[in-house]
Amino acid sequence: MLLGLFADAHDHLDHIRTAVEVFNAHQCELVIFAGDLVSSFAVPPLRQLNCPILASFGDNEGNKIGVAAGFKILGQIGEPPFGFTTPDGTRIVVTHMLRSLRGAEGEFDVCVFAHTHRAEISQDEHGRMLINPGETSGWSFGKPSVAILETQPLSAQIIRLDEWNREKSGNSGESAVV
Protein backbone atom coordinates (compact mmCIF):
# COMPACT_ATOMS: atom_id res chain seq x y z
CA MET A 1 0.00 0.00 0.00
CA LEU A 2 1.33 3.43 -0.91
CA LEU A 3 0.79 6.19 1.66
CA GLY A 4 1.50 9.90 1.54
CA LEU A 5 2.70 11.48 4.78
CA PHE A 6 2.81 15.12 5.76
CA ALA A 7 2.73 17.35 8.84
CA ASP A 8 3.35 20.82 10.19
CA ALA A 9 1.58 22.58 7.33
CA HIS A 10 0.97 25.70 9.45
CA ASP A 11 -1.43 27.25 6.91
CA HIS A 12 1.07 27.36 4.01
CA LEU A 13 -1.54 26.93 1.28
CA ASP A 14 0.88 26.77 -1.66
CA HIS A 15 2.86 23.96 -0.06
CA ILE A 16 -0.32 22.12 0.93
CA ARG A 17 -1.37 22.26 -2.73
CA THR A 18 2.05 20.96 -3.80
CA ALA A 19 1.84 18.14 -1.24
CA VAL A 20 -1.53 17.13 -2.71
CA GLU A 21 0.03 17.20 -6.18
CA VAL A 22 2.89 14.94 -5.03
CA PHE A 23 0.51 12.45 -3.39
CA ASN A 24 -1.74 12.34 -6.46
CA ALA A 25 1.26 11.95 -8.81
CA HIS A 26 2.46 8.99 -6.72
CA GLN A 27 -1.09 7.53 -6.73
CA CYS A 28 -1.19 7.26 -2.95
CA GLU A 29 -4.00 5.10 -1.60
CA LEU A 30 -4.16 6.95 1.74
CA VAL A 31 -2.67 10.16 3.09
CA ILE A 32 -1.70 10.53 6.75
CA PHE A 33 -1.34 13.95 8.36
CA ALA A 34 0.56 14.14 11.67
CA GLY A 35 -0.69 17.47 12.99
CA ASP A 36 -0.51 21.25 12.88
CA LEU A 37 -2.67 22.21 9.94
CA VAL A 38 -3.67 25.19 12.16
CA SER A 39 -6.70 26.89 10.51
CA SER A 40 -9.84 25.74 8.78
CA PHE A 41 -8.93 27.69 5.62
CA ALA A 42 -6.06 25.18 5.11
CA VAL A 43 -8.56 22.33 4.62
CA PRO A 44 -10.02 23.14 1.14
CA PRO A 45 -6.81 22.38 -0.82
CA LEU A 46 -6.97 18.84 0.61
CA ARG A 47 -10.25 18.28 -1.27
CA GLN A 48 -8.14 17.71 -4.40
CA LEU A 49 -6.65 14.51 -2.98
CA ASN A 50 -7.50 11.40 -4.99
CA CYS A 51 -7.63 9.26 -1.83
CA PRO A 52 -8.88 9.45 1.77
CA ILE A 53 -6.96 11.23 4.50
CA LEU A 54 -6.43 10.18 8.11
CA ALA A 55 -5.20 12.99 10.35
CA SER A 56 -3.99 13.78 13.82
CA PHE A 57 -4.37 17.08 15.62
CA GLY A 58 -1.12 18.79 16.56
CA ASP A 59 -0.22 21.13 19.39
CA ASN A 60 -0.75 24.35 17.38
CA GLU A 61 -4.23 23.90 15.96
CA GLY A 62 -5.74 27.36 16.13
CA ASN A 63 -9.25 26.28 15.14
CA LYS A 64 -9.81 22.63 16.06
CA ILE A 65 -13.57 22.87 15.63
CA GLY A 66 -13.26 24.35 12.13
CA VAL A 67 -10.55 21.90 11.07
CA ALA A 68 -12.60 18.96 12.38
CA ALA A 69 -15.69 20.20 10.52
CA GLY A 70 -13.72 20.52 7.28
CA PHE A 71 -12.37 16.98 7.64
CA LYS A 72 -15.86 15.47 7.74
CA ILE A 73 -15.92 15.35 3.94
CA LEU A 74 -12.23 14.41 3.55
CA GLY A 75 -11.65 11.60 5.99
CA GLN A 76 -11.00 11.41 9.71
CA ILE A 77 -9.12 13.54 12.21
CA GLY A 78 -8.55 12.75 15.87
CA GLU A 79 -6.45 13.20 18.95
CA PRO A 80 -3.05 11.50 18.91
CA PRO A 81 -1.76 8.93 19.37
CA PHE A 82 -3.89 6.45 17.47
CA GLY A 83 -3.17 3.37 15.43
CA PHE A 84 -4.56 1.37 12.56
CA THR A 85 -3.64 -1.61 10.41
CA THR A 86 -3.41 -1.37 6.63
CA PRO A 87 -5.11 -4.04 4.48
CA ASP A 88 -1.71 -5.73 3.97
CA GLY A 89 -1.21 -6.01 7.76
CA THR A 90 1.21 -3.14 8.39
CA ARG A 91 0.53 -1.67 11.85
CA ILE A 92 0.87 2.12 11.93
CA VAL A 93 0.68 4.52 14.85
CA VAL A 94 0.20 8.26 14.26
CA THR A 95 1.11 11.00 16.73
CA HIS A 96 2.21 14.59 16.62
CA MET A 97 4.89 14.40 19.29
CA LEU A 98 7.03 11.28 19.44
CA ARG A 99 7.37 11.68 23.20
CA SER A 100 3.69 10.77 23.57
CA LEU A 101 4.75 7.18 22.81
CA ARG A 102 7.40 6.94 25.55
CA GLY A 103 6.99 3.68 27.36
CA ALA A 104 4.37 2.51 24.87
CA GLU A 105 4.49 -1.23 24.56
CA GLY A 106 1.91 -1.33 21.78
CA GLU A 107 2.74 -3.32 18.73
CA PHE A 108 3.36 -1.32 15.57
CA ASP A 109 5.61 -1.48 12.53
CA VAL A 110 5.66 2.22 11.63
CA CYS A 111 5.27 5.43 13.63
CA VAL A 112 4.40 8.63 11.77
CA PHE A 113 5.20 11.68 13.87
CA ALA A 114 5.99 15.39 13.51
CA HIS A 115 6.47 18.45 15.75
CA THR A 116 10.24 18.94 15.22
CA HIS A 117 9.80 20.20 11.64
CA ARG A 118 12.81 18.06 10.64
CA ALA A 119 12.42 15.27 8.08
CA GLU A 120 13.68 11.94 9.37
CA ILE A 121 13.42 8.24 8.64
CA SER A 122 14.94 5.97 11.26
CA GLN A 123 14.44 2.79 13.26
CA ASP A 124 13.98 2.44 16.99
CA GLU A 125 15.58 -0.20 19.21
CA HIS A 126 12.74 -2.61 18.36
CA GLY A 127 13.32 -2.32 14.59
CA ARG A 128 10.20 -0.22 14.03
CA MET A 129 10.33 2.46 11.35
CA LEU A 130 9.95 6.05 12.60
CA ILE A 131 9.03 8.66 10.00
CA ASN A 132 8.83 12.41 10.42
CA PRO A 133 7.86 13.81 7.00
CA GLY A 134 9.29 17.20 8.00
CA GLU A 135 7.56 20.53 7.74
CA THR A 136 5.22 20.92 4.81
CA SER A 137 5.20 24.66 5.49
CA GLY A 138 8.94 25.24 5.27
CA TRP A 139 8.47 28.16 7.69
CA SER A 140 11.10 27.06 10.24
CA PHE A 141 13.95 25.59 8.22
CA GLY A 142 13.14 26.48 4.60
CA LYS A 143 13.01 22.81 3.61
CA PRO A 144 9.36 21.98 2.89
CA SER A 145 8.86 18.25 2.59
CA VAL A 146 6.52 15.28 2.64
CA ALA A 147 7.15 11.53 2.68
CA ILE A 148 5.98 8.52 0.72
CA LEU A 149 5.65 5.19 2.53
CA GLU A 150 5.40 1.83 0.76
CA THR A 151 4.17 -0.83 3.17
CA GLN A 152 5.14 -3.95 1.15
CA PRO A 153 8.09 -4.14 1.11
CA LEU A 154 8.47 -1.55 3.85
CA SER A 155 10.33 1.51 2.58
CA ALA A 156 10.04 5.29 2.77
CA GLN A 157 11.43 8.37 1.09
CA ILE A 158 11.40 12.11 1.82
CA ILE A 159 10.40 14.42 -1.03
CA ARG A 160 11.37 18.08 -0.89
CA LEU A 161 8.52 20.24 -2.19
CA ASP A 162 10.78 23.05 -3.42
CA GLU A 163 12.80 20.59 -5.51
CA TRP A 164 9.60 18.96 -6.78
CA ASN A 165 8.46 22.39 -8.02
CA ARG A 166 11.84 23.09 -9.66
CA GLU A 167 11.73 19.79 -11.52
CA LYS A 168 8.14 20.41 -12.59
CA SER A 169 9.12 23.80 -14.01
CA GLY A 170 12.14 22.34 -15.82
CA ASN A 171 14.77 24.02 -13.64
CA SER A 172 16.13 20.77 -12.29
CA GLY A 173 19.37 21.04 -10.44
CA GLU A 174 18.89 18.10 -8.09
CA SER A 175 16.60 15.16 -7.68
CA ALA A 176 13.30 15.78 -5.88
CA VAL A 177 13.89 12.71 -3.73
CA VAL A 178 16.33 13.22 -0.86
C-alpha atoms as a PDB file:
ATOM      1  CA  MET A   1       0.000   0.000   0.000  1.00  0.00           C
ATOM      2  CA  LEU A   2       1.333   3.431  -0.914  1.00  0.00           C
ATOM      3  CA  LEU A   3       0.786   6.188   1.657  1.00  0.00           C
ATOM      4  CA  GLY A   4       1.497   9.902   1.536  1.00  0.00           C
ATOM      5  CA  LEU A   5       2.695  11.476   4.780  1.00  0.00           C
ATOM      6  CA  PHE A   6       2.810  15.125   5.763  1.00  0.00           C
ATOM      7  CA  ALA A   7       2.732  17.346   8.843  1.00  0.00           C
ATOM      8  CA  ASP A   8       3.346  20.823  10.193  1.00  0.00           C
ATOM      9  CA  ALA A   9       1.584  22.583   7.331  1.00  0.00           C
ATOM     10  CA  HIS A  10       0.966  25.705   9.448  1.00  0.00           C
ATOM     11  CA  ASP A  11      -1.433  27.254   6.912  1.00  0.00           C
ATOM     12  CA  HIS A  12       1.067  27.357   4.007  1.00  0.00           C
ATOM     13  CA  LEU A  13      -1.545  26.929   1.278  1.00  0.00           C
ATOM     14  CA  ASP A  14       0.884  26.765  -1.664  1.00  0.00           C
ATOM     15  CA  HIS A  15       2.862  23.962  -0.064  1.00  0.00           C
ATOM     16  CA  ILE A  16      -0.321  22.120   0.933  1.00  0.00           C
ATOM     17  CA  ARG A  17      -1.373  22.258  -2.730  1.00  0.00           C
ATOM     18  CA  THR A  18       2.046  20.963  -3.804  1.00  0.00           C
ATOM     19  CA  ALA A  19       1.836  18.143  -1.239  1.00  0.00           C
ATOM     20  CA  VAL A  20      -1.531  17.130  -2.706  1.00  0.00           C
ATOM     21  CA  GLU A  21       0.028  17.199  -6.183  1.00  0.00           C
ATOM     22  CA  VAL A  22       2.892  14.944  -5.031  1.00  0.00           C
ATOM     23  CA  PHE A  23       0.507  12.453  -3.394  1.00  0.00           C
ATOM     24  CA  ASN A  24      -1.743  12.340  -6.460  1.00  0.00           C
ATOM     25  CA  ALA A  25       1.257  11.946  -8.807  1.00  0.00           C
ATOM     26  CA  HIS A  26       2.463   8.986  -6.723  1.00  0.00           C
ATOM     27  CA  GLN A  27      -1.085   7.531  -6.733  1.00  0.00           C
ATOM     28  CA  CYS A  28      -1.194   7.264  -2.949  1.00  0.00           C
ATOM     29  CA  GLU A  29      -4.002   5.105  -1.601  1.00  0.00           C
ATOM     30  CA  LEU A  30      -4.156   6.946   1.741  1.00  0.00           C
ATOM     31  CA  VAL A  31      -2.667  10.162   3.092  1.00  0.00           C
ATOM     32  CA  ILE A  32      -1.697  10.528   6.754  1.00  0.00           C
ATOM     33  CA  PHE A  33      -1.340  13.950   8.358  1.00  0.00           C
ATOM     34  CA  ALA A  34       0.559  14.139  11.668  1.00  0.00           C
ATOM     35  CA  GLY A  35      -0.688  17.468  12.991  1.00  0.00           C
ATOM     36  CA  ASP A  36      -0.512  21.253  12.880  1.00  0.00           C
ATOM     37  CA  LEU A  37      -2.672  22.213   9.935  1.00  0.00           C
ATOM     38  CA  VAL A  38      -3.673  25.189  12.163  1.00  0.00           C
ATOM     39  CA  SER A  39      -6.696  26.886  10.511  1.00  0.00           C
ATOM     40  CA  SER A  40      -9.838  25.736   8.781  1.00  0.00           C
ATOM     41  CA  PHE A  41      -8.928  27.685   5.623  1.00  0.00           C
ATOM     42  CA  ALA A  42      -6.061  25.185   5.111  1.00  0.00           C
ATOM     43  CA  VAL A  43      -8.560  22.335   4.624  1.00  0.00           C
ATOM     44  CA  PRO A  44     -10.022  23.144   1.138  1.00  0.00           C
ATOM     45  CA  PRO A  45      -6.808  22.376  -0.824  1.00  0.00           C
ATOM     46  CA  LEU A  46      -6.973  18.838   0.605  1.00  0.00           C
ATOM     47  CA  ARG A  47     -10.250  18.282  -1.271  1.00  0.00           C
ATOM     48  CA  GLN A  48      -8.139  17.710  -4.401  1.00  0.00           C
ATOM     49  CA  LEU A  49      -6.650  14.508  -2.975  1.00  0.00           C
ATOM     50  CA  ASN A  50      -7.502  11.399  -4.990  1.00  0.00           C
ATOM     51  CA  CYS A  51      -7.630   9.265  -1.834  1.00  0.00           C
ATOM     52  CA  PRO A  52      -8.881   9.447   1.767  1.00  0.00           C
ATOM     53  CA  ILE A  53      -6.959  11.228   4.501  1.00  0.00           C
ATOM     54  CA  LEU A  54      -6.426  10.179   8.108  1.00  0.00           C
ATOM     55  CA  ALA A  55      -5.200  12.992  10.348  1.00  0.00           C
ATOM     56  CA  SER A  56      -3.990  13.780  13.824  1.00  0.00           C
ATOM     57  CA  PHE A  57      -4.369  17.078  15.615  1.00  0.00           C
ATOM     58  CA  GLY A  58      -1.117  18.792  16.563  1.00  0.00           C
ATOM     59  CA  ASP A  59      -0.224  21.125  19.388  1.00  0.00           C
ATOM     60  CA  ASN A  60      -0.746  24.345  17.378  1.00  0.00           C
ATOM     61  CA  GLU A  61      -4.233  23.903  15.965  1.00  0.00           C
ATOM     62  CA  GLY A  62      -5.745  27.361  16.126  1.00  0.00           C
ATOM     63  CA  ASN A  63      -9.247  26.276  15.141  1.00  0.00           C
ATOM     64  CA  LYS A  64      -9.807  22.626  16.064  1.00  0.00           C
ATOM     65  CA  ILE A  65     -13.574  22.871  15.634  1.00  0.00           C
ATOM     66  CA  GLY A  66     -13.255  24.346  12.135  1.00  0.00           C
ATOM     67  CA  VAL A  67     -10.549  21.905  11.070  1.00  0.00           C
ATOM     68  CA  ALA A  68     -12.603  18.963  12.384  1.00  0.00           C
ATOM     69  CA  ALA A  69     -15.691  20.197  10.519  1.00  0.00           C
ATOM     70  CA  GLY A  70     -13.717  20.516   7.282  1.00  0.00           C
ATOM     71  CA  PHE A  71     -12.374  16.983   7.639  1.00  0.00           C
ATOM     72  CA  LYS A  72     -15.864  15.473   7.743  1.00  0.00           C
ATOM     73  CA  ILE A  73     -15.924  15.350   3.938  1.00  0.00           C
ATOM     74  CA  LEU A  74     -12.234  14.407   3.546  1.00  0.00           C
ATOM     75  CA  GLY A  75     -11.648  11.601   5.991  1.00  0.00           C
ATOM     76  CA  GLN A  76     -11.001  11.408   9.708  1.00  0.00           C
ATOM     77  CA  ILE A  77      -9.118  13.539  12.215  1.00  0.00           C
ATOM     78  CA  GLY A  78      -8.554  12.750  15.871  1.00  0.00           C
ATOM     79  CA  GLU A  79      -6.447  13.204  18.946  1.00  0.00           C
ATOM     80  CA  PRO A  80      -3.050  11.498  18.913  1.00  0.00           C
ATOM     81  CA  PRO A  81      -1.758   8.928  19.366  1.00  0.00           C
ATOM     82  CA  PHE A  82      -3.888   6.448  17.474  1.00  0.00           C
ATOM     83  CA  GLY A  83      -3.168   3.370  15.427  1.00  0.00           C
ATOM     84  CA  PHE A  84      -4.558   1.366  12.564  1.00  0.00           C
ATOM     85  CA  THR A  85      -3.638  -1.608  10.412  1.00  0.00           C
ATOM     86  CA  THR A  86      -3.408  -1.370   6.627  1.00  0.00           C
ATOM     87  CA  PRO A  87      -5.106  -4.038   4.484  1.00  0.00           C
ATOM     88  CA  ASP A  88      -1.706  -5.729   3.973  1.00  0.00           C
ATOM     89  CA  GLY A  89      -1.209  -6.015   7.759  1.00  0.00           C
ATOM     90  CA  THR A  90       1.209  -3.136   8.395  1.00  0.00           C
ATOM     91  CA  ARG A  91       0.531  -1.670  11.845  1.00  0.00           C
ATOM     92  CA  ILE A  92       0.866   2.118  11.930  1.00  0.00           C
ATOM     93  CA  VAL A  93       0.679   4.522  14.850  1.00  0.00           C
ATOM     94  CA  VAL A  94       0.199   8.262  14.263  1.00  0.00           C
ATOM     95  CA  THR A  95       1.112  10.997  16.733  1.00  0.00           C
ATOM     96  CA  HIS A  96       2.209  14.587  16.616  1.00  0.00           C
ATOM     97  CA  MET A  97       4.891  14.402  19.287  1.00  0.00           C
ATOM     98  CA  LEU A  98       7.031  11.282  19.441  1.00  0.00           C
ATOM     99  CA  ARG A  99       7.375  11.676  23.201  1.00  0.00           C
ATOM    100  CA  SER A 100       3.688  10.768  23.568  1.00  0.00           C
ATOM    101  CA  LEU A 101       4.750   7.181  22.806  1.00  0.00           C
ATOM    102  CA  ARG A 102       7.398   6.938  25.550  1.00  0.00           C
ATOM    103  CA  GLY A 103       6.985   3.679  27.359  1.00  0.00           C
ATOM    104  CA  ALA A 104       4.369   2.508  24.868  1.00  0.00           C
ATOM    105  CA  GLU A 105       4.488  -1.226  24.557  1.00  0.00           C
ATOM    106  CA  GLY A 106       1.911  -1.328  21.781  1.00  0.00           C
ATOM    107  CA  GLU A 107       2.740  -3.322  18.725  1.00  0.00           C
ATOM    108  CA  PHE A 108       3.359  -1.321  15.569  1.00  0.00           C
ATOM    109  CA  ASP A 109       5.606  -1.478  12.531  1.00  0.00           C
ATOM    110  CA  VAL A 110       5.664   2.222  11.627  1.00  0.00           C
ATOM    111  CA  CYS A 111       5.266   5.427  13.625  1.00  0.00           C
ATOM    112  CA  VAL A 112       4.396   8.627  11.766  1.00  0.00           C
ATOM    113  CA  PHE A 113       5.197  11.682  13.874  1.00  0.00           C
ATOM    114  CA  ALA A 114       5.991  15.391  13.511  1.00  0.00           C
ATOM    115  CA  HIS A 115       6.473  18.450  15.746  1.00  0.00           C
ATOM    116  CA  THR A 116      10.244  18.935  15.224  1.00  0.00           C
ATOM    117  CA  HIS A 117       9.799  20.196  11.636  1.00  0.00           C
ATOM    118  CA  ARG A 118      12.809  18.061  10.637  1.00  0.00           C
ATOM    119  CA  ALA A 119      12.423  15.272   8.084  1.00  0.00           C
ATOM    120  CA  GLU A 120      13.684  11.942   9.375  1.00  0.00           C
ATOM    121  CA  ILE A 121      13.424   8.240   8.639  1.00  0.00           C
ATOM    122  CA  SER A 122      14.945   5.969  11.264  1.00  0.00           C
ATOM    123  CA  GLN A 123      14.441   2.788  13.262  1.00  0.00           C
ATOM    124  CA  ASP A 124      13.976   2.442  16.994  1.00  0.00           C
ATOM    125  CA  GLU A 125      15.579  -0.202  19.213  1.00  0.00           C
ATOM    126  CA  HIS A 126      12.741  -2.610  18.355  1.00  0.00           C
ATOM    127  CA  GLY A 127      13.322  -2.318  14.594  1.00  0.00           C
ATOM    128  CA  ARG A 128      10.198  -0.219  14.026  1.00  0.00           C
ATOM    129  CA  MET A 129      10.327   2.463  11.346  1.00  0.00           C
ATOM    130  CA  LEU A 130       9.952   6.049  12.597  1.00  0.00           C
ATOM    131  CA  ILE A 131       9.033   8.662   9.999  1.00  0.00           C
ATOM    132  CA  ASN A 132       8.825  12.410  10.416  1.00  0.00           C
ATOM    133  CA  PRO A 133       7.856  13.814   6.998  1.00  0.00           C
ATOM    134  CA  GLY A 134       9.294  17.197   8.005  1.00  0.00           C
ATOM    135  CA  GLU A 135       7.560  20.525   7.744  1.00  0.00           C
ATOM    136  CA  THR A 136       5.216  20.918   4.808  1.00  0.00           C
ATOM    137  CA  SER A 137       5.199  24.660   5.486  1.00  0.00           C
ATOM    138  CA  GLY A 138       8.942  25.239   5.271  1.00  0.00           C
ATOM    139  CA  TRP A 139       8.474  28.156   7.690  1.00  0.00           C
ATOM    140  CA  SER A 140      11.095  27.063  10.241  1.00  0.00           C
ATOM    141  CA  PHE A 141      13.946  25.595   8.219  1.00  0.00           C
ATOM    142  CA  GLY A 142      13.144  26.482   4.600  1.00  0.00           C
ATOM    143  CA  LYS A 143      13.015  22.805   3.611  1.00  0.00           C
ATOM    144  CA  PRO A 144       9.364  21.978   2.894  1.00  0.00           C
ATOM    145  CA  SER A 145       8.864  18.247   2.593  1.00  0.00           C
ATOM    146  CA  VAL A 146       6.516  15.276   2.639  1.00  0.00           C
ATOM    147  CA  ALA A 147       7.153  11.532   2.676  1.00  0.00           C
ATOM    148  CA  ILE A 148       5.977   8.516   0.718  1.00  0.00           C
ATOM    149  CA  LEU A 149       5.648   5.185   2.535  1.00  0.00           C
ATOM    150  CA  GLU A 150       5.404   1.830   0.760  1.00  0.00           C
ATOM    151  CA  THR A 151       4.172  -0.831   3.166  1.00  0.00           C
ATOM    152  CA  GLN A 152       5.137  -3.948   1.154  1.00  0.00           C
ATOM    153  CA  PRO A 153       8.090  -4.141   1.108  1.00  0.00           C
ATOM    154  CA  LEU A 154       8.466  -1.552   3.855  1.00  0.00           C
ATOM    155  CA  SER A 155      10.335   1.515   2.584  1.00  0.00           C
ATOM    156  CA  ALA A 156      10.036   5.289   2.775  1.00  0.00           C
ATOM    157  CA  GLN A 157      11.432   8.369   1.087  1.00  0.00           C
ATOM    158  CA  ILE A 158      11.399  12.106   1.822  1.00  0.00           C
ATOM    159  CA  ILE A 159      10.395  14.416  -1.029  1.00  0.00           C
ATOM    160  CA  ARG A 160      11.370  18.078  -0.885  1.00  0.00           C
ATOM    161  CA  LEU A 161       8.519  20.239  -2.190  1.00  0.00           C
ATOM    162  CA  ASP A 162      10.775  23.048  -3.423  1.00  0.00           C
ATOM    163  CA  GLU A 163      12.801  20.591  -5.506  1.00  0.00           C
ATOM    164  CA  TRP A 164       9.595  18.964  -6.785  1.00  0.00           C
ATOM    165  CA  ASN A 165       8.455  22.385  -8.020  1.00  0.00           C
ATOM    166  CA  ARG A 166      11.836  23.092  -9.661  1.00  0.00           C
ATOM    167  CA  GLU A 167      11.731  19.786 -11.525  1.00  0.00           C
ATOM    168  CA  LYS A 168       8.145  20.413 -12.586  1.00  0.00           C
ATOM    169  CA  SER A 169       9.117  23.803 -14.008  1.00  0.00           C
ATOM    170  CA  GLY A 170      12.138  22.343 -15.819  1.00  0.00           C
ATOM    171  CA  ASN A 171      14.772  24.021 -13.636  1.00  0.00           C
ATOM    172  CA  SER A 172      16.126  20.767 -12.286  1.00  0.00           C
ATOM    173  CA  GLY A 173      19.374  21.043 -10.435  1.00  0.00           C
ATOM    174  CA  GLU A 174      18.885  18.104  -8.094  1.00  0.00           C
ATOM    175  CA  SER A 175      16.600  15.160  -7.677  1.00  0.00           C
ATOM    176  CA  ALA A 176      13.302  15.782  -5.880  1.00  0.00           C
ATOM    177  CA  VAL A 177      13.890  12.712  -3.734  1.00  0.00           C
ATOM    178  CA  VAL A 178      16.325  13.220  -0.862  1.00  0.00           C
END
